[in-house]
Amino acid sequence: MAALLAQVLLSEKVFSFKDNALNLAAALLAFLVAIFTRSLMGTIMIGGLSLMILRFFF
């Protein structure tokens, strides 16, 4: 899980909140699902779906 998070958030050499706002929002939702459900499948599904929805609208 930490490897997925690091790869998504730190894919660029310089980290900026402005450029990674959608990734951070999706990661926060996935993190909350992981804490409350302890389901890896649910965490990855919610993270992917939330990123897809956020990119569609923003």
C-alpha atoms as a PDB file:
ATOM      1  CA  MET A   1       0.000   0.000   0.000  1.00  0.00           C
ATOM      2  CA  ALA A   2       2.778   2.430   0.876  1.00  0.00           C
ATOM      3  CA  ALA A   3       4.541   1.610  -2.391  1.00  0.00           C
ATOM      4  CA  LEU A   4       1.413   2.496  -4.371  1.00  0.00           C
ATOM      5  CA  LEU A   5       1.048   5.767  -2.502  1.00  0.00           C
ATOM      6  CA  ALA A   6       4.681   6.743  -2.933  1.00  0.00           C
ATOM      7  CA  GLN A   7       4.622   5.926  -6.633  1.00  0.00           C
ATOM      8  CA  VAL A   8       1.529   8.040  -7.303  1.00  0.00           C
ATOM      9  CA  LEU A   9       2.408  11.023  -5.147  1.00  0.00           C
ATOM     10  CA  LEU A  10       6.142  11.186  -5.764  1.00  0.00           C
ATOM     11  CA  SER A  11       6.261  10.360  -9.468  1.00  0.00           C
ATOM     12  CA  GLU A  12       7.768  13.759 -10.277  1.00  0.00           C
ATOM     13  CA  LYS A  13      11.105  15.017  -9.024  1.00  0.00           C
ATOM     14  CA  VAL A  14       9.573  18.050  -7.274  1.00  0.00           C
ATOM     15  CA  PHE A  15       6.428  17.579  -5.190  1.00  0.00           C
ATOM     16  CA  SER A  16       3.819  20.310  -5.351  1.00  0.00           C
ATOM     17  CA  PHE A  17       0.372  20.336  -3.753  1.00  0.00           C
ATOM     18  CA  LYS A  18      -1.132  22.291  -6.643  1.00  0.00           C
ATOM     19  CA  ASP A  19      -0.092  19.780  -9.291  1.00  0.00           C
ATOM     20  CA  ASN A  20      -1.031  16.738  -7.188  1.00  0.00           C
ATOM     21  CA  ALA A  21      -4.300  17.954  -5.661  1.00  0.00           C
ATOM     22  CA  LEU A  22      -6.444  15.307  -7.379  1.00  0.00           C
ATOM     23  CA  ASN A  23      -4.018  12.537  -6.478  1.00  0.00           C
ATOM     24  CA  LEU A  24      -3.961  13.695  -2.864  1.00  0.00           C
ATOM     25  CA  ALA A  25      -7.770  13.796  -2.676  1.00  0.00           C
ATOM     26  CA  ALA A  26      -8.056  10.281  -4.106  1.00  0.00           C
ATOM     27  CA  ALA A  27      -5.302   9.064  -1.770  1.00  0.00           C
ATOM     28  CA  LEU A  28      -7.108  10.545   1.231  1.00  0.00           C
ATOM     29  CA  LEU A  29     -10.341   8.757   0.305  1.00  0.00           C
ATOM     30  CA  ALA A  30      -8.474   5.496  -0.229  1.00  0.00           C
ATOM     31  CA  PHE A  31      -6.661   5.930   3.092  1.00  0.00           C
ATOM     32  CA  LEU A  32      -9.957   6.434   4.930  1.00  0.00           C
ATOM     33  CA  VAL A  33     -11.405   3.314   3.328  1.00  0.00           C
ATOM     34  CA  ALA A  34      -8.284   1.371   4.281  1.00  0.00           C
ATOM     35  CA  ILE A  35      -8.496   2.486   7.904  1.00  0.00           C
ATOM     36  CA  PHE A  36     -12.201   1.740   8.317  1.00  0.00           C
ATOM     37  CA  THR A  37     -12.596  -1.437   6.253  1.00  0.00           C
ATOM     38  CA  ARG A  38      -9.091  -2.986   6.251  1.00  0.00           C
ATOM     39  CA  SER A  39      -9.858  -4.272   2.761  1.00  0.00           C
ATOM     40  CA  LEU A  40      -7.116  -3.999   0.159  1.00  0.00           C
ATOM     41  CA  MET A  41      -9.524  -4.608  -2.708  1.00  0.00           C
ATOM     42  CA  GLY A  42     -11.930  -1.949  -1.467  1.00  0.00           C
ATOM     43  CA  THR A  43      -9.090   0.497  -0.935  1.00  0.00           C
ATOM     44  CA  ILE A  44      -7.734   0.096  -4.457  1.00  0.00           C
ATOM     45  CA  MET A  45     -11.213   0.234  -5.995  1.00  0.00           C
ATOM     46  CA  ILE A  46     -12.197   3.397  -4.114  1.00  0.00           C
ATOM     47  CA  GLY A  47      -8.850   5.032  -4.855  1.00  0.00           C
ATOM     48  CA  GLY A  48      -9.091   4.268  -8.565  1.00  0.00           C
ATOM     49  CA  LEU A  49     -12.740   5.224  -8.873  1.00  0.00           C
ATOM     50  CA  SER A  50     -12.336   8.443  -6.928  1.00  0.00           C
ATOM     51  CA  LEU A  51      -9.345   9.470  -9.068  1.00  0.00           C
ATOM     52  CA  MET A  52     -11.315   8.666 -12.215  1.00  0.00           C
ATOM     53  CA  ILE A  53     -14.305  10.722 -11.064  1.00  0.00           C
ATOM     54  CA  LEU A  54     -12.156  13.634  -9.909  1.00  0.00           C
ATOM     55  CA  ARG A  55     -10.272  13.735 -13.234  1.00  0.00           C
ATOM     56  CA  PHE A  56     -13.567  13.619 -15.148  1.00  0.00           C
ATOM     57  CA  PHE A  57     -15.013  16.642 -13.324  1.00  0.00           C
ATOM     58  CA  PHE A  58     -11.833  18.664 -12.808  1.00  0.00           C
END
